[in-house]
PDB file of N, CA and C in Angstrom:
ATOM      1  N   UNK A   1    -156.062  31.967  -4.242  1.00  0.00           N
ATOM      2  CA  UNK A   1    -154.924  31.078  -4.301  1.00  0.00           C
ATOM      3  C   UNK A   1    -154.773  30.503  -5.712  1.00  0.00           C
ATOM      4  N   UNK A   2    -155.896  30.266  -6.361  1.00  0.00           N
ATOM      5  CA  UNK A   2    -155.850  29.777  -7.738  1.00  0.00           C
ATOM      6  C   UNK A   2    -155.128  30.771  -8.647  1.00  0.00           C
ATOM      7  N   UNK A   3    -155.359  32.044  -8.432  1.00  0.00           N
ATOM      8  CA  UNK A   3    -154.699  33.075  -9.236  1.00  0.00           C
ATOM      9  C   UNK A   3    -153.197  33.101  -8.955  1.00  0.00           C
ATOM     10  N   UNK A   4    -152.780  32.892  -7.730  1.00  0.00           N
ATOM     11  CA  UNK A   4    -151.358  32.846  -7.397  1.00  0.00           C
ATOM     12  C   UNK A   4    -150.681  31.683  -8.113  1.00  0.00           C
ATOM     13  N   UNK A   5    -151.337  30.536  -8.161  1.00  0.00           N
ATOM     14  CA  UNK A   5    -150.795  29.374  -8.866  1.00  0.00           C
ATOM     15  C   UNK A   5    -150.692  29.679 -10.360  1.00  0.00           C
ATOM     16  N   UNK A   6    -151.729  30.298 -10.931  1.00  0.00           N
ATOM     17  CA  UNK A   6    -151.700  30.646 -12.353  1.00  0.00           C
ATOM     18  C   UNK A   6    -150.552  31.600 -12.661  1.00  0.00           C
ATOM     19  N   UNK A   7    -150.390  32.617 -11.832  1.00  0.00           N
ATOM     20  CA  UNK A   7    -149.324  33.598 -12.051  1.00  0.00           C
ATOM     21  C   UNK A   7    -147.936  32.962 -11.904  1.00  0.00           C
ATOM     22  N   UNK A   8    -147.785  32.082 -10.927  1.00  0.00           N
ATOM     23  CA  UNK A   8    -146.503  31.407 -10.725  1.00  0.00           C
ATOM     24  C   UNK A   8    -146.168  30.515 -11.917  1.00  0.00           C
ATOM     25  N   UNK A   9    -147.156  29.782 -12.427  1.00  0.00           N
ATOM     26  CA  UNK A   9    -146.913  28.929 -13.587  1.00  0.00           C
ATOM     27  C   UNK A   9    -146.559  29.760 -14.819  1.00  0.00           C
ATOM     28  N   UNK A  10    -147.225  30.885 -14.994  1.00  0.00           N
ATOM     29  CA  UNK A  10    -146.922  31.775 -16.115  1.00  0.00           C
ATOM     30  C   UNK A  10    -145.476  32.284 -16.018  1.00  0.00           C
ATOM     31  N   UNK A  11    -145.057  32.653 -14.832  1.00  0.00           N
ATOM     32  CA  UNK A  11    -143.680  33.110 -14.601  1.00  0.00           C
ATOM     33  C   UNK A  11    -142.689  31.997 -14.932  1.00  0.00           C
ATOM     34  N   UNK A  12    -142.983  30.794 -14.482  1.00  0.00           N
ATOM     35  CA  UNK A  12    -142.093  29.650 -14.735  1.00  0.00           C
ATOM     36  C   UNK A  12    -141.987  29.348 -16.228  1.00  0.00           C
ATOM     37  N   UNK A  13    -143.100  29.370 -16.921  1.00  0.00           N
ATOM     38  CA  UNK A  13    -143.072  29.096 -18.367  1.00  0.00           C
ATOM     39  C   UNK A  13    -142.241  30.131 -19.116  1.00  0.00           C
ATOM     40  N   UNK A  14    -142.407  31.405 -18.741  1.00  0.00           N
ATOM     41  CA  UNK A  14    -141.617  32.465 -19.381  1.00  0.00           C
ATOM     42  C   UNK A  14    -140.122  32.268 -19.154  1.00  0.00           C
ATOM     43  N   UNK A  15    -139.766  31.705 -18.002  1.00  0.00           N
ATOM     44  CA  UNK A  15    -138.361  31.480 -17.665  1.00  0.00           C
ATOM     45  C   UNK A  15    -137.847  30.144 -18.211  1.00  0.00           C
ATOM     46  N   UNK A  16    -138.731  29.348 -18.803  1.00  0.00           N
ATOM     47  CA  UNK A  16    -138.334  28.061 -19.341  1.00  0.00           C
ATOM     48  C   UNK A  16    -138.211  26.959 -18.296  1.00  0.00           C
ATOM     49  N   UNK A  17    -138.774  27.175 -17.122  1.00  0.00           N
ATOM     50  CA  UNK A  17    -138.721  26.178 -16.053  1.00  0.00           C
ATOM     51  C   UNK A  17    -139.868  25.189 -16.194  1.00  0.00           C
ATOM     52  N   UNK A  18    -139.660  24.015 -15.649  1.00  0.00           N
ATOM     53  CA  UNK A  18    -140.692  22.987 -15.691  1.00  0.00           C
ATOM     54  C   UNK A  18    -141.259  22.667 -14.314  1.00  0.00           C
ATOM     55  N   UNK A  19    -140.610  23.236 -13.288  1.00  0.00           N
ATOM     56  CA  UNK A  19    -141.043  22.929 -11.931  1.00  0.00           C
ATOM     57  C   UNK A  19    -140.813  24.145 -11.042  1.00  0.00           C
ATOM     58  N   UNK A  20    -141.718  24.345 -10.102  1.00  0.00           N
ATOM     59  CA  UNK A  20    -141.620  25.431  -9.127  1.00  0.00           C
ATOM     60  C   UNK A  20    -141.404  24.785  -7.768  1.00  0.00           C
ATOM     61  N   UNK A  21    -140.389  25.275  -7.041  1.00  0.00           N
ATOM     62  CA  UNK A  21    -140.073  24.680  -5.743  1.00  0.00           C
ATOM     63  C   UNK A  21    -140.727  25.409  -4.581  1.00  0.00           C
ATOM     64  N   UNK A  22    -141.037  26.708  -4.763  1.00  0.00           N
ATOM     65  CA  UNK A  22    -141.677  27.471  -3.683  1.00  0.00           C
ATOM     66  C   UNK A  22    -142.253  28.769  -4.232  1.00  0.00           C
ATOM     67  N   UNK A  23    -143.277  29.262  -3.555  1.00  0.00           N
ATOM     68  CA  UNK A  23    -143.768  30.610  -3.828  1.00  0.00           C
ATOM     69  C   UNK A  23    -143.886  31.331  -2.488  1.00  0.00           C
ATOM     70  N   UNK A  24    -143.742  32.650  -2.572  1.00  0.00           N
ATOM     71  CA  UNK A  24    -143.876  33.482  -1.385  1.00  0.00           C
ATOM     72  C   UNK A  24    -144.983  34.490  -1.621  1.00  0.00           C
ATOM     73  N   UNK A  25    -145.921  34.553  -0.694  1.00  0.00           N
ATOM     74  CA  UNK A  25    -147.000  35.531  -0.737  1.00  0.00           C
ATOM     75  C   UNK A  25    -146.788  36.559   0.365  1.00  0.00           C
ATOM     76  N   UNK A  26    -147.043  37.824   0.039  1.00  0.00           N
ATOM     77  CA  UNK A  26    -147.076  38.892   1.047  1.00  0.00           C
ATOM     78  C   UNK A  26    -148.551  39.144   1.342  1.00  0.00           C
ATOM     79  N   UNK A  27    -148.939  38.941   2.596  1.00  0.00           N
ATOM     80  CA  UNK A  27    -150.340  39.052   2.993  1.00  0.00           C
ATOM     81  C   UNK A  27    -150.481  40.135   4.058  1.00  0.00           C
ATOM     82  N   UNK A  28    -151.135  41.227   3.684  1.00  0.00           N
ATOM     83  CA  UNK A  28    -151.356  42.316   4.621  1.00  0.00           C
ATOM     84  C   UNK A  28    -152.436  41.981   5.630  1.00  0.00           C
ATOM     85  N   UNK A  29    -152.243  42.469   6.831  1.00  0.00           N
ATOM     86  CA  UNK A  29    -153.205  42.220   7.912  1.00  0.00           C
ATOM     87  C   UNK A  29    -154.590  42.772   7.591  1.00  0.00           C
ATOM     88  N   UNK A  30    -154.654  43.790   6.735  1.00  0.00           N
ATOM     89  CA  UNK A  30    -155.943  44.388   6.371  1.00  0.00           C
ATOM     90  C   UNK A  30    -156.400  43.993   4.972  1.00  0.00           C
ATOM     91  N   UNK A  31    -155.783  42.967   4.388  1.00  0.00           N
ATOM     92  CA  UNK A  31    -156.115  42.550   3.023  1.00  0.00           C
ATOM     93  C   UNK A  31    -157.441  41.808   2.928  1.00  0.00           C
ATOM     94  N   UNK A  32    -157.898  41.292   4.044  1.00  0.00           N
ATOM     95  CA  UNK A  32    -159.106  40.479   4.030  1.00  0.00           C
ATOM     96  C   UNK A  32    -158.799  39.001   3.831  1.00  0.00           C
ATOM     97  N   UNK A  33    -157.545  38.683   3.503  1.00  0.00           N
ATOM     98  CA  UNK A  33    -157.135  37.293   3.325  1.00  0.00           C
ATOM     99  C   UNK A  33    -156.671  36.726   4.668  1.00  0.00           C
ATOM    100  N   UNK A  34    -157.039  35.498   4.930  1.00  0.00           N
ATOM    101  CA  UNK A  34    -156.655  34.823   6.170  1.00  0.00           C
ATOM    102  C   UNK A  34    -155.556  33.821   5.823  1.00  0.00           C
ATOM    103  N   UNK A  35    -154.333  34.028   6.341  1.00  0.00           N
ATOM    104  CA  UNK A  35    -153.228  33.136   5.995  1.00  0.00           C
ATOM    105  C   UNK A  35    -153.544  31.652   6.174  1.00  0.00           C
ATOM    106  N   UNK A  36    -154.244  31.300   7.225  1.00  0.00           N
ATOM    107  CA  UNK A  36    -154.580  29.886   7.446  1.00  0.00           C
ATOM    108  C   UNK A  36    -155.515  29.368   6.356  1.00  0.00           C
ATOM    109  N   UNK A  37    -156.417  30.191   5.873  1.00  0.00           N
ATOM    110  CA  UNK A  37    -157.311  29.790   4.780  1.00  0.00           C
ATOM    111  C   UNK A  37    -156.523  29.643   3.482  1.00  0.00           C
ATOM    112  N   UNK A  38    -155.556  30.512   3.269  1.00  0.00           N
ATOM    113  CA  UNK A  38    -154.701  30.400   2.080  1.00  0.00           C
ATOM    114  C   UNK A  38    -153.909  29.101   2.114  1.00  0.00           C
ATOM    115  N   UNK A  39    -153.382  28.759   3.280  1.00  0.00           N
ATOM    116  CA  UNK A  39    -152.634  27.508   3.418  1.00  0.00           C
ATOM    117  C   UNK A  39    -153.528  26.298   3.152  1.00  0.00           C
ATOM    118  N   UNK A  40    -154.752  26.354   3.611  1.00  0.00           N
ATOM    119  CA  UNK A  40    -155.703  25.265   3.381  1.00  0.00           C
ATOM    120  C   UNK A  40    -156.005  25.132   1.885  1.00  0.00           C
ATOM    121  N   UNK A  41    -156.278  26.265   1.235  1.00  0.00           N
ATOM    122  CA  UNK A  41    -156.574  26.254  -0.203  1.00  0.00           C
ATOM    123  C   UNK A  41    -155.368  25.783  -1.007  1.00  0.00           C
ATOM    124  N   UNK A  42    -154.178  26.140  -0.552  1.00  0.00           N
ATOM    125  CA  UNK A  42    -152.927  25.768  -1.225  1.00  0.00           C
ATOM    126  C   UNK A  42    -152.852  24.255  -1.427  1.00  0.00           C
ATOM    127  N   UNK A  43    -153.243  23.511  -0.424  1.00  0.00           N
ATOM    128  CA  UNK A  43    -153.162  22.051  -0.502  1.00  0.00           C
ATOM    129  C   UNK A  43    -153.996  21.495  -1.656  1.00  0.00           C
ATOM    130  N   UNK A  44    -155.078  22.139  -2.002  1.00  0.00           N
ATOM    131  CA  UNK A  44    -155.952  21.654  -3.075  1.00  0.00           C
ATOM    132  C   UNK A  44    -155.571  22.209  -4.437  1.00  0.00           C
ATOM    133  N   UNK A  45    -155.266  23.498  -4.526  1.00  0.00           N
ATOM    134  CA  UNK A  45    -155.085  24.118  -5.846  1.00  0.00           C
ATOM    135  C   UNK A  45    -153.753  23.787  -6.511  1.00  0.00           C
ATOM    136  N   UNK A  46    -152.768  23.355  -5.754  1.00  0.00           N
ATOM    137  CA  UNK A  46    -151.467  23.068  -6.370  1.00  0.00           C
ATOM    138  C   UNK A  46    -151.397  21.678  -7.001  1.00  0.00           C
ATOM    139  N   UNK A  47    -152.340  20.798  -6.651  1.00  0.00           N
ATOM    140  CA  UNK A  47    -152.337  19.436  -7.197  1.00  0.00           C
ATOM    141  C   UNK A  47    -152.483  19.452  -8.712  1.00  0.00           C
ATOM    142  N   UNK A  48    -151.637  18.681  -9.391  1.00  0.00           N
ATOM    143  CA  UNK A  48    -151.694  18.589 -10.847  1.00  0.00           C
ATOM    144  C   UNK A  48    -151.090  19.783 -11.565  1.00  0.00           C
ATOM    145  N   UNK A  49    -150.340  20.625 -10.837  1.00  0.00           N
ATOM    146  CA  UNK A  49    -149.720  21.799 -11.445  1.00  0.00           C
ATOM    147  C   UNK A  49    -148.199  21.709 -11.297  1.00  0.00           C
ATOM    148  N   UNK A  50    -147.496  22.703 -11.820  1.00  0.00           N
ATOM    149  CA  UNK A  50    -146.040  22.785 -11.678  1.00  0.00           C
ATOM    150  C   UNK A  50    -145.639  23.015 -10.226  1.00  0.00           C
ATOM    151  N   UNK A  51    -146.593  23.306  -9.379  1.00  0.00           N
ATOM    152  CA  UNK A  51    -146.336  23.604  -7.970  1.00  0.00           C
ATOM    153  C   UNK A  51    -146.687  22.439  -7.047  1.00  0.00           C
ATOM    154  N   UNK A  52    -146.937  21.292  -7.620  1.00  0.00           N
ATOM    155  CA  UNK A  52    -147.434  20.170  -6.823  1.00  0.00           C
ATOM    156  C   UNK A  52    -146.555  19.859  -5.610  1.00  0.00           C
ATOM    157  N   UNK A  53    -145.244  19.956  -5.764  1.00  0.00           N
ATOM    158  CA  UNK A  53    -144.331  19.661  -4.656  1.00  0.00           C
ATOM    159  C   UNK A  53    -143.731  20.921  -4.035  1.00  0.00           C
ATOM    160  N   UNK A  54    -144.260  22.075  -4.398  1.00  0.00           N
ATOM    161  CA  UNK A  54    -143.700  23.348  -3.937  1.00  0.00           C
ATOM    162  C   UNK A  54    -144.126  23.676  -2.508  1.00  0.00           C
ATOM    163  N   UNK A  55    -143.302  24.514  -1.877  1.00  0.00           N
ATOM    164  CA  UNK A  55    -143.609  25.029  -0.535  1.00  0.00           C
ATOM    165  C   UNK A  55    -144.304  26.383  -0.680  1.00  0.00           C
ATOM    166  N   UNK A  56    -145.177  26.672   0.249  1.00  0.00           N
ATOM    167  CA  UNK A  56    -145.825  27.977   0.327  1.00  0.00           C
ATOM    168  C   UNK A  56    -145.239  28.729   1.507  1.00  0.00           C
ATOM    169  N   UNK A  57    -144.723  29.928   1.227  1.00  0.00           N
ATOM    170  CA  UNK A  57    -144.215  30.796   2.288  1.00  0.00           C
ATOM    171  C   UNK A  57    -145.126  32.014   2.344  1.00  0.00           C
ATOM    172  N   UNK A  58    -145.520  32.389   3.543  1.00  0.00           N
ATOM    173  CA  UNK A  58    -146.375  33.559   3.716  1.00  0.00           C
ATOM    174  C   UNK A  58    -145.654  34.571   4.600  1.00  0.00           C
ATOM    175  N   UNK A  59    -145.523  35.777   4.075  1.00  0.00           N
ATOM    176  CA  UNK A  59    -144.973  36.882   4.849  1.00  0.00           C
ATOM    177  C   UNK A  59    -146.151  37.742   5.275  1.00  0.00           C
ATOM    178  N   UNK A  60    -146.346  37.867   6.565  1.00  0.00           N
ATOM    179  CA  UNK A  60    -147.445  38.688   7.090  1.00  0.00           C
ATOM    180  C   UNK A  60    -146.968  40.131   7.196  1.00  0.00           C
ATOM    181  N   UNK A  61    -147.770  41.039   6.662  1.00  0.00           N
ATOM    182  CA  UNK A  61    -147.395  42.445   6.626  1.00  0.00           C
ATOM    183  C   UNK A  61    -148.308  43.247   7.558  1.00  0.00           C
ATOM    184  N   UNK A  62    -147.675  43.902   8.504  1.00  0.00           N
ATOM    185  CA  UNK A  62    -148.422  44.725   9.470  1.00  0.00           C
ATOM    186  C   UNK A  62    -148.886  46.017   8.806  1.00  0.00           C
ATOM    187  N   UNK A  63    -150.019  46.555   9.234  1.00  0.00           N
ATOM    188  CA  UNK A  63    -150.515  47.807   8.653  1.00  0.00           C
ATOM    189  C   UNK A  63    -149.682  49.013   9.084  1.00  0.00           C
ATOM    190  N   UNK A  64    -149.411  49.877   8.112  1.00  0.00           N
ATOM    191  CA  UNK A  64    -148.644  51.105   8.350  1.00  0.00           C
ATOM    192  C   UNK A  64    -149.342  52.239   7.608  1.00  0.00           C
ATOM    193  N   UNK A  65    -149.552  53.343   8.291  1.00  0.00           N
ATOM    194  CA  UNK A  65    -150.118  54.552   7.682  1.00  0.00           C
ATOM    195  C   UNK A  65    -149.044  55.634   7.607  1.00  0.00           C
ATOM    196  N   UNK A  66    -149.321  56.650   6.788  1.00  0.00           N
ATOM    197  CA  UNK A  66    -148.455  57.807   6.620  1.00  0.00           C
ATOM    198  C   UNK A  66    -149.155  59.021   7.229  1.00  0.00           C
ATOM    199  N   UNK A  67    -148.428  59.746   8.073  1.00  0.00           N
ATOM    200  CA  UNK A  67    -148.968  60.964   8.660  1.00  0.00           C
ATOM    201  C   UNK A  67    -148.483  62.156   7.842  1.00  0.00           C
ATOM    202  N   UNK A  68    -149.402  62.892   7.218  1.00  0.00           N
ATOM    203  CA  UNK A  68    -148.988  64.049   6.423  1.00  0.00           C
ATOM    204  C   UNK A  68    -148.454  65.199   7.277  1.00  0.00           C
ATOM    205  N   UNK A  69    -148.858  65.264   8.527  1.00  0.00           N
ATOM    206  CA  UNK A  69    -148.377  66.329   9.413  1.00  0.00           C
ATOM    207  C   UNK A  69    -146.945  66.061   9.871  1.00  0.00           C
ATOM    208  N   UNK A  70    -146.691  64.846  10.340  1.00  0.00           N
ATOM    209  CA  UNK A  70    -145.368  64.479  10.843  1.00  0.00           C
ATOM    210  C   UNK A  70    -144.407  64.061   9.724  1.00  0.00           C
ATOM    211  N   UNK A  71    -144.981  63.795   8.544  1.00  0.00           N
ATOM    212  CA  UNK A  71    -144.190  63.296   7.418  1.00  0.00           C
ATOM    213  C   UNK A  71    -143.463  62.001   7.801  1.00  0.00           C
ATOM    214  N   UNK A  72    -144.216  61.083   8.416  1.00  0.00           N
ATOM    215  CA  UNK A  72    -143.628  59.832   8.883  1.00  0.00           C
ATOM    216  C   UNK A  72    -144.656  58.709   8.877  1.00  0.00           C
ATOM    217  N   UNK A  73    -144.143  57.488   8.756  1.00  0.00           N
ATOM    218  CA  UNK A  73    -144.973  56.293   8.883  1.00  0.00           C
ATOM    219  C   UNK A  73    -145.265  56.033  10.350  1.00  0.00           C
ATOM    220  N   UNK A  74    -146.393  55.357  10.597  1.00  0.00           N
ATOM    221  CA  UNK A  74    -146.686  54.910  11.958  1.00  0.00           C
ATOM    222  C   UNK A  74    -147.508  53.630  11.887  1.00  0.00           C
ATOM    223  N   UNK A  75    -147.391  52.757  12.905  1.00  0.00           N
ATOM    224  CA  UNK A  75    -148.177  51.520  12.927  1.00  0.00           C
ATOM    225  C   UNK A  75    -149.666  51.856  12.964  1.00  0.00           C
ATOM    226  N   UNK A  76    -150.418  51.226  12.094  1.00  0.00           N
ATOM    227  CA  UNK A  76    -151.850  51.504  11.994  1.00  0.00           C
ATOM    228  C   UNK A  76    -152.654  50.402  12.667  1.00  0.00           C
ATOM    229  N   UNK A  77    -153.862  50.765  13.085  1.00  0.00           N
ATOM    230  CA  UNK A  77    -154.755  49.758  13.651  1.00  0.00           C
ATOM    231  C   UNK A  77    -155.969  49.523  12.756  1.00  0.00           C
ATOM    232  N   UNK A  78    -155.975  50.163  11.595  1.00  0.00           N
ATOM    233  CA  UNK A  78    -157.065  49.998  10.633  1.00  0.00           C
ATOM    234  C   UNK A  78    -156.799  50.846   9.410  1.00  0.00           C
ATOM    235  N   UNK A  79    -157.790  50.916   8.535  1.00  0.00           N
ATOM    236  CA  UNK A  79    -157.643  51.697   7.306  1.00  0.00           C
ATOM    237  C   UNK A  79    -157.576  53.196   7.604  1.00  0.00           C
ATOM    238  N   UNK A  80    -158.179  53.596   8.680  1.00  0.00           N
ATOM    239  CA  UNK A  80    -158.167  54.986   9.122  1.00  0.00           C
ATOM    240  C   UNK A  80    -157.618  54.974  10.546  1.00  0.00           C
ATOM    241  N   UNK A  81    -156.453  55.583  10.737  1.00  0.00           N
ATOM    242  CA  UNK A  81    -155.786  55.503  12.037  1.00  0.00           C
ATOM    243  C   UNK A  81    -155.314  56.872  12.503  1.00  0.00           C
ATOM    244  N   UNK A  82    -155.099  56.979  13.792  1.00  0.00           N
ATOM    245  CA  UNK A  82    -154.633  58.212  14.407  1.00  0.00           C
ATOM    246  C   UNK A  82    -153.127  58.133  14.640  1.00  0.00           C
ATOM    247  N   UNK A  83    -152.414  59.156  14.202  1.00  0.00           N
ATOM    248  CA  UNK A  83    -150.968  59.231  14.400  1.00  0.00           C
ATOM    249  C   UNK A  83    -150.681  59.307  15.902  1.00  0.00           C
ATOM    250  N   UNK A  84    -149.786  58.457  16.388  1.00  0.00           N
ATOM    251  CA  UNK A  84    -149.474  58.487  17.821  1.00  0.00           C
ATOM    252  C   UNK A  84    -148.667  59.719  18.237  1.00  0.00           C
ATOM    253  N   UNK A  85    -148.048  60.405  17.272  1.00  0.00           N
ATOM    254  CA  UNK A  85    -147.233  61.584  17.598  1.00  0.00           C
ATOM    255  C   UNK A  85    -148.090  62.846  17.724  1.00  0.00           C
ATOM    256  N   UNK A  86    -148.861  63.119  16.652  1.00  0.00           N
ATOM    257  CA  UNK A  86    -149.586  64.394  16.612  1.00  0.00           C
ATOM    258  C   UNK A  86    -151.103  64.245  16.721  1.00  0.00           C
ATOM    259  N   UNK A  87    -151.586  63.004  16.719  1.00  0.00           N
ATOM    260  CA  UNK A  87    -153.014  62.674  16.836  1.00  0.00           C
ATOM    261  C   UNK A  87    -153.826  63.003  15.583  1.00  0.00           C
ATOM    262  N   UNK A  88    -153.151  63.306  14.459  1.00  0.00           N
ATOM    263  CA  UNK A  88    -153.856  63.555  13.200  1.00  0.00           C
ATOM    264  C   UNK A  88    -154.418  62.239  12.668  1.00  0.00           C
ATOM    265  N   UNK A  89    -155.558  62.323  12.018  1.00  0.00           N
ATOM    266  CA  UNK A  89    -156.200  61.160  11.428  1.00  0.00           C
ATOM    267  C   UNK A  89    -155.634  60.942  10.025  1.00  0.00           C
ATOM    268  N   UNK A  90    -155.301  59.691   9.705  1.00  0.00           N
ATOM    269  CA  UNK A  90    -154.762  59.380   8.386  1.00  0.00           C
ATOM    270  C   UNK A  90    -155.424  58.142   7.802  1.00  0.00           C
ATOM    271  N   UNK A  91    -155.717  58.215   6.519  1.00  0.00           N
ATOM    272  CA  UNK A  91    -156.237  57.075   5.781  1.00  0.00           C
ATOM    273  C   UNK A  91    -155.273  56.666   4.682  1.00  0.00           C
ATOM    274  N   UNK A  92    -154.037  57.168   4.768  1.00  0.00           N
ATOM    275  CA  UNK A  92    -153.013  56.882   3.761  1.00  0.00           C
ATOM    276  C   UNK A  92    -152.274  55.602   4.147  1.00  0.00           C
ATOM    277  N   UNK A  93    -152.888  54.462   3.835  1.00  0.00           N
ATOM    278  CA  UNK A  93    -152.329  53.158   4.184  1.00  0.00           C
ATOM    279  C   UNK A  93    -151.156  52.860   3.257  1.00  0.00           C
ATOM    280  N   UNK A  94    -149.982  52.691   3.815  1.00  0.00           N
ATOM    281  CA  UNK A  94    -148.757  52.431   3.044  1.00  0.00           C
ATOM    282  C   UNK A  94    -148.407  50.953   2.991  1.00  0.00           C
ATOM    283  N   UNK A  95    -148.869  50.165   3.938  1.00  0.00           N
ATOM    284  CA  UNK A  95    -148.614  48.725   3.981  1.00  0.00           C
ATOM    285  C   UNK A  95    -149.718  48.073   4.796  1.00  0.00           C
ATOM    286  N   UNK A  96    -149.939  46.806   4.510  1.00  0.00           N
ATOM    287  CA  UNK A  96    -150.916  46.048   5.278  1.00  0.00           C
ATOM    288  C   UNK A  96    -152.173  45.691   4.510  1.00  0.00           C
ATOM    289  N   UNK A  97    -152.330  46.254   3.310  1.00  0.00           N
ATOM    290  CA  UNK A  97    -153.502  45.933   2.501  1.00  0.00           C
ATOM    291  C   UNK A  97    -153.190  45.009   1.331  1.00  0.00           C
ATOM    292  N   UNK A  98    -151.932  44.623   1.201  1.00  0.00           N
ATOM    293  CA  UNK A  98    -151.515  43.857   0.030  1.00  0.00           C
ATOM    294  C   UNK A  98    -151.804  42.366   0.133  1.00  0.00           C
ATOM    295  N   UNK A  99    -151.946  41.773  -1.023  1.00  0.00           N
ATOM    296  CA  UNK A  99    -151.998  40.322  -1.205  1.00  0.00           C
ATOM    297  C   UNK A  99    -151.262  40.088  -2.509  1.00  0.00           C
ATOM    298  N   UNK A 100    -149.943  39.861  -2.401  1.00  0.00           N
ATOM    299  CA  UNK A 100    -149.075  39.818  -3.572  1.00  0.00           C
ATOM    300  C   UNK A 100    -148.313  38.508  -3.676  1.00  0.00           C
ATOM    301  N   UNK A 101    -148.090  38.090  -4.911  1.00  0.00           N
ATOM    302  CA  UNK A 101    -147.156  37.012  -5.191  1.00  0.00           C
ATOM    303  C   UNK A 101    -145.784  37.670  -5.229  1.00  0.00           C
ATOM    304  N   UNK A 102    -145.011  37.507  -4.163  1.00  0.00           N
ATOM    305  CA  UNK A 102    -143.746  38.227  -4.008  1.00  0.00           C
ATOM    306  C   UNK A 102    -142.574  37.508  -4.659  1.00  0.00           C
ATOM    307  N   UNK A 103    -142.592  36.179  -4.670  1.00  0.00           N
ATOM    308  CA  UNK A 103    -141.453  35.442  -5.200  1.00  0.00           C
ATOM    309  C   UNK A 103    -141.886  34.075  -5.697  1.00  0.00           C
ATOM    310  N   UNK A 104    -141.247  33.653  -6.794  1.00  0.00           N
ATOM    311  CA  UNK A 104    -141.447  32.320  -7.351  1.00  0.00           C
ATOM    312  C   UNK A 104    -140.070  31.683  -7.459  1.00  0.00           C
ATOM    313  N   UNK A 105    -139.869  30.569  -6.777  1.00  0.00           N
ATOM    314  CA  UNK A 105    -138.593  29.860  -6.843  1.00  0.00           C
ATOM    315  C   UNK A 105    -138.725  28.724  -7.851  1.00  0.00           C
ATOM    316  N   UNK A 106    -137.863  28.759  -8.844  1.00  0.00           N
ATOM    317  CA  UNK A 106    -137.908  27.785  -9.924  1.00  0.00           C
ATOM    318  C   UNK A 106    -136.811  26.748  -9.765  1.00  0.00           C
ATOM    319  N   UNK A 107    -137.101  25.524 -10.187  1.00  0.00           N
ATOM    320  CA  UNK A 107    -136.081  24.480 -10.219  1.00  0.00           C
ATOM    321  C   UNK A 107    -135.273  24.683 -11.488  1.00  0.00           C
ATOM    322  N   UNK A 108    -133.972  24.566 -11.367  1.00  0.00           N
ATOM    323  CA  UNK A 108    -133.135  24.710 -12.563  1.00  0.00           C
ATOM    324  C   UNK A 108    -133.243  23.455 -13.411  1.00  0.00           C
ATOM    325  N   UNK A 109    -133.052  23.598 -14.692  1.00  0.00           N
ATOM    326  CA  UNK A 109    -133.109  22.456 -15.608  1.00  0.00           C
ATOM    327  C   UNK A 109    -132.038  21.440 -15.235  1.00  0.00           C
ATOM    328  N   UNK A 110    -130.841  21.913 -14.882  1.00  0.00           N
ATOM    329  CA  UNK A 110    -129.755  21.029 -14.501  1.00  0.00           C
ATOM    330  C   UNK A 110    -130.135  20.222 -13.261  1.00  0.00           C
ATOM    331  N   UNK A 111    -130.735  20.880 -12.286  1.00  0.00           N
ATOM    332  CA  UNK A 111    -131.139  20.198 -11.049  1.00  0.00           C
ATOM    333  C   UNK A 111    -132.200  19.145 -11.362  1.00  0.00           C
ATOM    334  N   UNK A 112    -133.152  19.477 -12.252  1.00  0.00           N
ATOM    335  CA  UNK A 112    -134.186  18.517 -12.626  1.00  0.00           C
ATOM    336  C   UNK A 112    -133.564  17.263 -13.235  1.00  0.00           C
ATOM    337  N   UNK A 113    -132.568  17.451 -14.092  1.00  0.00           N
ATOM    338  CA  UNK A 113    -131.929  16.318 -14.756  1.00  0.00           C
ATOM    339  C   UNK A 113    -131.211  15.420 -13.733  1.00  0.00           C
ATOM    340  N   UNK A 114    -130.626  16.018 -12.714  1.00  0.00           N
ATOM    341  CA  UNK A 114    -129.894  15.264 -11.704  1.00  0.00           C
ATOM    342  C   UNK A 114    -130.845  14.468 -10.822  1.00  0.00           C
ATOM    343  N   UNK A 115    -131.980  15.051 -10.464  1.00  0.00           N
ATOM    344  CA  UNK A 115    -132.893  14.383  -9.530  1.00  0.00           C
ATOM    345  C   UNK A 115    -133.888  13.465 -10.217  1.00  0.00           C
ATOM    346  N   UNK A 116    -133.993  13.528 -11.515  1.00  0.00           N
ATOM    347  CA  UNK A 116    -134.984  12.693 -12.220  1.00  0.00           C
ATOM    348  C   UNK A 116    -134.610  11.240 -12.189  1.00  0.00           C
TER     349      UNK A 116
END
């Protein structure tokens, strides 16, 4: 979570913003990250940063594998899953392993001036 805050602040500085109103994380079911733990950590790591008053949004991503035989995606139950169509085994995880900073919402300078 500390890295997400660092990346969001870096993005805001590059854009010339002074405040971040929200960040969105994409959290895959197989990423090893627990959304509730991220939310708990969020409360501590954002203090004293540009994100102090920001909202945290978490998008949970279900695991999806690719079947090379069927040439199609299918819902996965792990890193190695069986295609429900042809029963082929696949380890080609296409979604569900990510932990990404998907979006940073910045406060506009004009809005800051109005609310200050």
